[in-house]
Amino acid sequence: MKAALGGANASQELMLDSLPDDTQEVYEVKGKLLNLIEAQNRAAKRAFDGDALTIGRFNKDLILRATRERKKKVVETPQV
């Protein structure tokens, strides 16, 4: 099991290394942003303990939901 996971991790790392530098940079920035959002979510849970409405405003699921909805609204451009 450990060897299989190690092999999967190695192949994922190789795929990441083959991406263009700009794409790798975007992924890195997105990862940092996600970490900040999760930290803010944890802080809100501590700061507003018992106030579900306020805590809900910091929920990262709202951001994820908005992203999914935007992806569905892809408009096709006509071929010229």
Protein backbone atom coordinates (compact mmCIF):
# COMPACT_ATOMS: atom_id res chain seq x y z
CA MET A 1 0.00 0.00 0.00
CA LYS A 2 2.78 2.41 0.96
CA ALA A 3 4.66 1.69 -2.27
CA ALA A 4 1.52 2.28 -4.35
CA LEU A 5 0.92 5.63 -2.68
CA GLY A 6 4.56 6.59 -3.16
CA GLY A 7 4.34 5.73 -6.85
CA ALA A 8 1.15 7.74 -7.28
CA ASN A 9 2.75 10.71 -5.54
CA ALA A 10 5.83 10.47 -7.77
CA SER A 11 3.73 10.42 -10.95
CA GLN A 12 1.73 13.43 -9.75
CA GLU A 13 4.96 15.32 -9.05
CA LEU A 14 6.21 14.52 -12.55
CA MET A 15 2.95 15.80 -14.05
CA LEU A 16 3.26 19.03 -12.07
CA ASP A 17 6.86 19.49 -13.19
CA SER A 18 5.78 19.21 -16.83
CA LEU A 19 3.30 22.10 -16.51
CA PRO A 20 4.26 25.54 -17.83
CA ASP A 21 5.83 27.88 -15.27
CA ASP A 22 2.84 30.24 -15.39
CA THR A 23 0.44 27.40 -14.60
CA GLN A 24 2.60 26.23 -11.70
CA GLU A 25 2.66 29.78 -10.36
CA VAL A 26 -1.14 30.05 -10.56
CA TYR A 27 -1.52 26.74 -8.70
CA GLU A 28 0.89 27.94 -6.01
CA VAL A 29 -0.99 31.21 -5.53
CA LYS A 30 -4.33 29.37 -5.42
CA GLY A 31 -2.93 27.05 -2.75
CA LYS A 32 -1.73 29.98 -0.65
CA LEU A 33 -5.10 31.69 -1.02
CA LEU A 34 -6.92 28.53 0.05
CA ASN A 35 -4.70 28.30 3.14
CA LEU A 36 -5.56 31.91 4.04
CA ILE A 37 -9.28 31.27 3.55
CA GLU A 38 -9.13 28.18 5.75
CA ALA A 39 -7.25 30.13 8.45
CA GLN A 40 -9.90 32.86 8.30
CA ASN A 41 -12.63 30.22 8.57
CA ARG A 42 -11.00 28.73 11.69
CA ALA A 43 -10.59 32.18 13.25
CA ALA A 44 -14.24 33.01 12.58
CA LYS A 45 -15.36 29.79 14.27
CA ARG A 46 -13.41 30.76 17.39
CA ALA A 47 -14.33 34.45 17.33
CA PHE A 48 -18.04 34.00 16.68
CA ASP A 49 -18.68 30.79 18.61
CA GLY A 50 -22.42 30.24 18.85
CA ASP A 51 -23.30 32.74 16.10
CA ALA A 52 -23.94 30.44 13.14
CA LEU A 53 -25.08 33.25 10.84
CA THR A 54 -21.84 35.19 11.21
CA ILE A 55 -19.69 32.05 11.04
CA GLY A 56 -21.48 31.12 7.82
CA ARG A 57 -20.24 34.29 6.16
CA PHE A 58 -16.69 32.94 6.44
CA ASN A 59 -17.51 29.51 5.03
CA LYS A 60 -15.26 28.57 2.10
CA ASP A 61 -18.05 26.41 0.67
CA LEU A 62 -19.72 29.65 -0.46
CA ILE A 63 -16.67 30.39 -2.61
CA LEU A 64 -16.57 26.85 -3.98
CA ARG A 65 -20.27 26.97 -4.83
CA ALA A 66 -19.84 30.25 -6.70
CA THR A 67 -16.96 28.76 -8.69
CA ARG A 68 -18.98 25.70 -9.69
CA GLU A 69 -21.93 27.84 -10.80
CA ARG A 70 -19.67 30.04 -12.90
CA LYS A 71 -18.12 27.02 -14.63
CA LYS A 72 -21.56 25.79 -15.69
CA LYS A 73 -22.32 29.05 -17.48
CA VAL A 74 -19.72 28.55 -20.21
CA VAL A 75 -20.73 30.34 -23.38
CA GLU A 76 -19.63 28.80 -26.64
CA THR A 77 -18.06 31.13 -29.14
CA PRO A 78 -19.09 30.60 -32.76
CA GLN A 79 -16.44 29.25 -35.11
CA VAL A 80 -15.53 31.75 -37.82
